[in-house]
Amino acid sequence: AHSEIITPVDAPEWSKNREELWNAVERCEKRKDATLAREIEVALPTELSLSQNKELLREYIKDQFVSLGMVADFSIHDVDEKNPHAHI
């Protein structure tokens, strides 16, 4: 339903481009067993509209990840409007 990247204020402009971001992540790590990212899946309330869920998720991501200097790439999935959730 929606995909977006949220970056810290001082992040370079290219980090907002999904292809450039993930290519850079993979280039910087040389170890075969490296952890390049973490994935968090969150449920979203069915009572809220998509735009309300986007805003709720943006605030959560800014507070929990971006404020610590992390870049967050997220996608909201809403299968038949019965299971809204997001992958961060």
N, C-alpha and C. Protein backbone atom coordinates (compact mmCIF):
# COMPACT_ATOMS: atom_id res chain seq x y z
N ALA A 1 0.82 -1.20 0.00
CA ALA A 1 0.00 0.00 0.00
C ALA A 1 0.86 1.26 0.00
N HIS A 2 2.05 1.21 0.64
CA HIS A 2 2.91 2.39 0.72
C HIS A 2 4.33 1.98 1.09
N SER A 3 5.31 2.64 0.48
CA SER A 3 6.73 2.44 0.83
C SER A 3 7.38 3.80 0.97
N GLU A 4 8.35 3.87 1.89
CA GLU A 4 9.00 5.16 2.16
C GLU A 4 10.32 4.91 2.88
N ILE A 5 11.23 5.86 2.76
CA ILE A 5 12.49 5.82 3.51
C ILE A 5 12.55 7.10 4.35
N ILE A 6 12.84 6.93 5.64
CA ILE A 6 13.01 8.07 6.53
C ILE A 6 14.45 8.08 6.99
N THR A 7 15.11 9.23 6.86
CA THR A 7 16.52 9.35 7.21
C THR A 7 16.74 10.43 8.26
N PRO A 8 17.86 10.35 8.98
CA PRO A 8 18.20 11.44 9.88
C PRO A 8 18.42 12.74 9.08
N VAL A 9 18.33 13.86 9.73
CA VAL A 9 18.46 15.17 9.09
C VAL A 9 19.78 15.31 8.34
N ASP A 10 20.86 14.80 8.89
CA ASP A 10 22.18 14.98 8.30
C ASP A 10 22.57 13.88 7.30
N ALA A 11 21.65 13.00 6.95
CA ALA A 11 21.95 11.91 6.01
C ALA A 11 22.08 12.47 4.59
N PRO A 12 22.96 11.88 3.79
CA PRO A 12 23.11 12.35 2.41
C PRO A 12 21.83 12.12 1.61
N GLU A 13 21.61 12.94 0.61
CA GLU A 13 20.39 12.86 -0.21
C GLU A 13 20.22 11.50 -0.88
N TRP A 14 21.33 10.87 -1.29
CA TRP A 14 21.24 9.58 -1.98
C TRP A 14 20.64 8.49 -1.10
N SER A 15 20.70 8.67 0.22
CA SER A 15 20.18 7.63 1.13
C SER A 15 18.66 7.53 1.08
N LYS A 16 18.01 8.47 0.43
CA LYS A 16 16.55 8.42 0.28
C LYS A 16 16.13 7.65 -0.97
N ASN A 17 17.11 7.20 -1.74
CA ASN A 17 16.85 6.40 -2.94
C ASN A 17 17.09 4.94 -2.57
N ARG A 18 16.07 4.11 -2.66
CA ARG A 18 16.15 2.72 -2.19
C ARG A 18 17.29 1.95 -2.86
N GLU A 19 17.44 2.06 -4.16
CA GLU A 19 18.49 1.32 -4.86
C GLU A 19 19.88 1.76 -4.42
N GLU A 20 20.10 3.07 -4.36
CA GLU A 20 21.41 3.58 -3.94
C GLU A 20 21.70 3.22 -2.49
N LEU A 21 20.69 3.32 -1.63
CA LEU A 21 20.87 3.01 -0.21
C LEU A 21 21.32 1.57 -0.02
N TRP A 22 20.59 0.61 -0.58
CA TRP A 22 20.92 -0.79 -0.33
C TRP A 22 22.19 -1.23 -1.05
N ASN A 23 22.49 -0.63 -2.19
CA ASN A 23 23.78 -0.92 -2.84
C ASN A 23 24.93 -0.42 -1.97
N ALA A 24 24.79 0.74 -1.37
CA ALA A 24 25.83 1.28 -0.48
C ALA A 24 25.99 0.41 0.76
N VAL A 25 24.90 -0.05 1.32
CA VAL A 25 24.95 -0.93 2.50
C VAL A 25 25.73 -2.20 2.17
N GLU A 26 25.42 -2.80 1.03
CA GLU A 26 26.10 -4.03 0.65
C GLU A 26 27.57 -3.80 0.31
N ARG A 27 27.91 -2.66 -0.27
CA ARG A 27 29.31 -2.36 -0.61
C ARG A 27 30.18 -2.16 0.62
N CYS A 28 29.63 -1.58 1.67
CA CYS A 28 30.46 -1.23 2.82
C CYS A 28 30.81 -2.43 3.70
N GLU A 29 30.07 -3.50 3.59
CA GLU A 29 30.34 -4.67 4.43
C GLU A 29 31.01 -5.76 3.60
N LYS A 30 32.13 -6.24 4.10
CA LYS A 30 32.90 -7.25 3.37
C LYS A 30 32.76 -8.66 3.92
N ARG A 31 32.28 -8.78 5.15
CA ARG A 31 32.15 -10.11 5.75
C ARG A 31 30.99 -10.88 5.16
N LYS A 32 31.19 -12.15 4.96
CA LYS A 32 30.17 -13.03 4.39
C LYS A 32 28.98 -13.20 5.34
N ASP A 33 29.25 -13.17 6.65
CA ASP A 33 28.21 -13.39 7.65
C ASP A 33 27.72 -12.10 8.31
N ALA A 34 27.89 -10.98 7.63
CA ALA A 34 27.52 -9.68 8.20
C ALA A 34 26.01 -9.52 8.28
N THR A 35 25.56 -8.77 9.28
CA THR A 35 24.16 -8.39 9.39
C THR A 35 24.02 -7.00 8.78
N LEU A 36 23.40 -6.93 7.63
CA LEU A 36 23.30 -5.66 6.91
C LEU A 36 22.10 -4.83 7.35
N ALA A 37 21.10 -5.47 7.91
CA ALA A 37 19.89 -4.76 8.33
C ALA A 37 19.14 -5.59 9.35
N ARG A 38 18.22 -4.94 10.00
CA ARG A 38 17.29 -5.63 10.89
C ARG A 38 15.90 -5.42 10.33
N GLU A 39 15.03 -6.40 10.50
CA GLU A 39 13.65 -6.23 10.06
C GLU A 39 12.73 -6.33 11.26
N ILE A 40 11.81 -5.39 11.32
CA ILE A 40 10.82 -5.38 12.38
C ILE A 40 9.46 -5.33 11.69
N GLU A 41 8.56 -6.20 12.11
CA GLU A 41 7.21 -6.20 11.56
C GLU A 41 6.26 -5.73 12.65
N VAL A 42 5.42 -4.76 12.32
CA VAL A 42 4.47 -4.22 13.30
C VAL A 42 3.05 -4.29 12.75
N ALA A 43 2.12 -4.58 13.62
CA ALA A 43 0.71 -4.56 13.25
C ALA A 43 0.21 -3.13 13.34
N LEU A 44 -0.72 -2.79 12.46
CA LEU A 44 -1.32 -1.46 12.46
C LEU A 44 -2.81 -1.58 12.77
N PRO A 45 -3.38 -0.59 13.46
CA PRO A 45 -4.79 -0.69 13.83
C PRO A 45 -5.72 -0.64 12.61
N THR A 46 -6.67 -1.54 12.57
CA THR A 46 -7.63 -1.56 11.47
C THR A 46 -8.60 -0.38 11.55
N GLU A 47 -8.72 0.21 12.72
CA GLU A 47 -9.64 1.34 12.91
C GLU A 47 -9.16 2.62 12.24
N LEU A 48 -7.87 2.68 11.91
CA LEU A 48 -7.31 3.89 11.29
C LEU A 48 -7.27 3.75 9.78
N SER A 49 -7.34 4.88 9.10
CA SER A 49 -7.23 4.89 7.65
C SER A 49 -5.75 4.70 7.27
N LEU A 50 -5.51 4.49 5.99
CA LEU A 50 -4.13 4.34 5.52
C LEU A 50 -3.32 5.59 5.84
N SER A 51 -3.87 6.77 5.62
CA SER A 51 -3.12 8.00 5.90
C SER A 51 -2.84 8.16 7.39
N GLN A 52 -3.78 7.77 8.24
CA GLN A 52 -3.55 7.83 9.69
C GLN A 52 -2.49 6.82 10.12
N ASN A 53 -2.53 5.63 9.53
CA ASN A 53 -1.51 4.63 9.84
C ASN A 53 -0.13 5.07 9.37
N LYS A 54 -0.06 5.73 8.21
CA LYS A 54 1.23 6.25 7.73
C LYS A 54 1.82 7.23 8.74
N GLU A 55 0.99 8.15 9.21
CA GLU A 55 1.47 9.16 10.16
C GLU A 55 1.87 8.51 11.49
N LEU A 56 1.08 7.57 11.96
CA LEU A 56 1.40 6.85 13.19
C LEU A 56 2.74 6.13 13.06
N LEU A 57 2.94 5.47 11.94
CA LEU A 57 4.18 4.72 11.70
C LEU A 57 5.37 5.66 11.55
N ARG A 58 5.20 6.76 10.84
CA ARG A 58 6.30 7.74 10.70
C ARG A 58 6.77 8.24 12.06
N GLU A 59 5.83 8.59 12.93
CA GLU A 59 6.19 9.08 14.26
C GLU A 59 6.92 8.01 15.06
N TYR A 60 6.44 6.77 15.00
CA TYR A 60 7.09 5.66 15.70
C TYR A 60 8.52 5.47 15.18
N ILE A 61 8.68 5.46 13.87
CA ILE A 61 10.00 5.24 13.26
C ILE A 61 10.96 6.38 13.63
N LYS A 62 10.48 7.60 13.55
CA LYS A 62 11.34 8.75 13.91
C LYS A 62 11.78 8.66 15.36
N ASP A 63 10.86 8.30 16.23
CA ASP A 63 11.16 8.23 17.66
C ASP A 63 12.08 7.07 18.01
N GLN A 64 11.84 5.90 17.44
CA GLN A 64 12.56 4.69 17.83
C GLN A 64 13.83 4.41 17.05
N PHE A 65 13.95 4.90 15.83
CA PHE A 65 15.09 4.55 14.98
C PHE A 65 15.85 5.75 14.46
N VAL A 66 15.16 6.65 13.80
CA VAL A 66 15.83 7.80 13.17
C VAL A 66 16.47 8.71 14.21
N SER A 67 15.86 8.85 15.36
CA SER A 67 16.44 9.68 16.42
C SER A 67 17.77 9.11 16.93
N LEU A 68 18.01 7.82 16.66
CA LEU A 68 19.26 7.16 17.05
C LEU A 68 20.27 7.13 15.90
N GLY A 69 19.95 7.81 14.80
CA GLY A 69 20.86 7.90 13.67
C GLY A 69 20.68 6.83 12.62
N MET A 70 19.60 6.05 12.70
CA MET A 70 19.37 4.97 11.74
C MET A 70 18.53 5.46 10.57
N VAL A 71 18.72 4.82 9.44
CA VAL A 71 17.86 5.01 8.27
C VAL A 71 16.81 3.92 8.32
N ALA A 72 15.55 4.28 8.07
CA ALA A 72 14.47 3.29 8.11
C ALA A 72 13.76 3.23 6.76
N ASP A 73 13.76 2.06 6.18
CA ASP A 73 13.07 1.78 4.93
C ASP A 73 11.84 0.95 5.32
N PHE A 74 10.65 1.45 5.03
CA PHE A 74 9.47 0.71 5.46
C PHE A 74 8.43 0.58 4.36
N SER A 75 7.62 -0.46 4.49
CA SER A 75 6.50 -0.69 3.58
C SER A 75 5.29 -1.10 4.39
N ILE A 76 4.16 -0.52 4.03
CA ILE A 76 2.90 -0.88 4.66
C ILE A 76 2.18 -1.85 3.73
N HIS A 77 1.73 -2.94 4.28
CA HIS A 77 0.97 -3.94 3.53
C HIS A 77 -0.42 -4.00 4.16
N ASP A 78 -1.41 -4.11 3.33
CA ASP A 78 -2.78 -4.16 3.82
C ASP A 78 -3.56 -5.16 2.98
N VAL A 79 -3.51 -6.40 3.38
CA VAL A 79 -4.15 -7.47 2.63
C VAL A 79 -5.66 -7.44 2.91
N ASP A 80 -6.43 -7.09 1.90
CA ASP A 80 -7.90 -7.04 2.00
C ASP A 80 -8.40 -6.20 3.17
N GLU A 81 -7.61 -5.24 3.59
CA GLU A 81 -7.97 -4.35 4.72
C GLU A 81 -8.29 -5.11 6.00
N LYS A 82 -7.80 -6.33 6.13
CA LYS A 82 -8.06 -7.14 7.33
C LYS A 82 -6.82 -7.31 8.18
N ASN A 83 -5.65 -7.05 7.60
CA ASN A 83 -4.40 -7.28 8.33
C ASN A 83 -3.38 -6.21 7.99
N PRO A 84 -3.68 -4.95 8.32
CA PRO A 84 -2.69 -3.92 8.02
C PRO A 84 -1.44 -4.09 8.89
N HIS A 85 -0.28 -4.10 8.24
CA HIS A 85 0.97 -4.24 8.99
C HIS A 85 2.07 -3.58 8.19
N ALA A 86 3.20 -3.39 8.84
CA ALA A 86 4.34 -2.75 8.18
C ALA A 86 5.61 -3.53 8.45
N HIS A 87 6.48 -3.51 7.46
CA HIS A 87 7.82 -4.08 7.58
C HIS A 87 8.78 -2.89 7.61
N ILE A 88 9.57 -2.79 8.66
CA ILE A 88 10.54 -1.70 8.80
C ILE A 88 11.92 -2.28 8.62
